[in-house]
């Protein structure tokens, strides 16, 4: 099975709110969040529907994302 790699982190890993995204090719295949239950549920839905990497990055980079703890 091909490895997934972490290519994006939203927020500061030293803070209480952040997200790491994992990709395989052009698909998001994993997500890890700290203190963001709503965000992880949205990422899980993206992973289930095999969303493109760009979609997950846009969500992570949106205003009020991981750094704000939204």
Protein backbone atom coordinates (compact mmCIF):
# COMPACT_ATOMS: atom_id res chain seq x y z
CA UNK A 1 0.00 0.00 0.00
CA UNK A 2 1.42 3.43 -0.87
CA UNK A 3 2.40 5.64 2.01
CA UNK A 4 0.53 8.80 2.85
CA UNK A 5 2.48 11.88 3.75
CA UNK A 6 1.65 14.89 5.84
CA UNK A 7 1.79 17.93 3.61
CA UNK A 8 -0.15 20.55 5.49
CA UNK A 9 -0.54 21.83 8.98
CA UNK A 10 -3.11 24.49 9.78
CA UNK A 11 -2.45 26.39 12.96
CA UNK A 12 0.58 26.09 15.23
CA UNK A 13 1.40 22.60 16.53
CA UNK A 14 2.54 24.27 19.77
CA UNK A 15 -0.94 25.71 20.30
CA UNK A 16 -4.17 24.12 21.51
CA UNK A 17 -5.81 24.14 18.04
CA UNK A 18 -4.29 22.69 14.89
CA UNK A 19 -4.83 20.23 12.08
CA UNK A 20 -2.47 18.04 10.04
CA UNK A 21 -3.58 16.71 6.66
CA UNK A 22 -2.30 13.62 4.89
CA UNK A 23 -2.37 12.97 1.19
CA UNK A 24 -1.77 10.23 -1.30
CA UNK A 25 -1.38 11.67 -4.76
CA UNK A 26 -4.05 14.32 -5.28
CA UNK A 27 -6.45 12.94 -2.61
CA UNK A 28 -6.76 13.72 1.07
CA UNK A 29 -6.51 10.38 2.92
CA UNK A 30 -6.11 11.38 6.55
CA UNK A 31 -6.47 14.15 9.07
CA UNK A 32 -5.40 14.70 12.64
CA UNK A 33 -6.75 17.58 14.70
CA UNK A 34 -6.34 18.80 18.25
CA UNK A 35 -9.39 20.21 20.03
CA UNK A 36 -11.45 20.58 16.84
CA UNK A 37 -14.26 18.01 16.79
CA UNK A 38 -16.29 19.81 14.11
CA UNK A 39 -13.28 20.09 11.82
CA UNK A 40 -12.35 16.42 12.08
CA UNK A 41 -15.89 15.41 11.17
CA UNK A 42 -15.70 17.54 8.02
CA UNK A 43 -12.32 16.06 7.15
CA UNK A 44 -13.71 12.55 7.71
CA UNK A 45 -16.49 13.29 5.23
CA UNK A 46 -13.92 14.56 2.70
CA UNK A 47 -11.84 11.42 3.13
CA UNK A 48 -14.91 9.17 2.72
CA UNK A 49 -15.91 10.84 -0.53
CA UNK A 50 -12.29 10.86 -1.80
CA UNK A 51 -12.15 14.64 -1.99
CA UNK A 52 -9.29 16.27 -3.88
CA UNK A 53 -6.30 17.54 -1.92
CA UNK A 54 -7.09 21.10 -3.03
CA UNK A 55 -10.52 20.93 -1.37
CA UNK A 56 -9.04 19.91 1.98
CA UNK A 57 -6.37 22.61 1.75
CA UNK A 58 -8.95 25.30 0.96
CA UNK A 59 -10.95 24.23 4.01
CA UNK A 60 -7.81 24.23 6.19
CA UNK A 61 -6.73 27.65 4.91
CA UNK A 62 -10.16 29.26 5.28
CA UNK A 63 -10.50 32.18 7.70
CA UNK A 64 -11.38 30.95 11.17
CA UNK A 65 -9.74 27.61 10.53
CA UNK A 66 -7.41 25.64 12.83
CA UNK A 67 -5.53 28.56 14.32
CA UNK A 68 -8.74 30.14 15.57
CA UNK A 69 -10.11 26.91 16.99
CA UNK A 70 -13.30 27.23 14.98
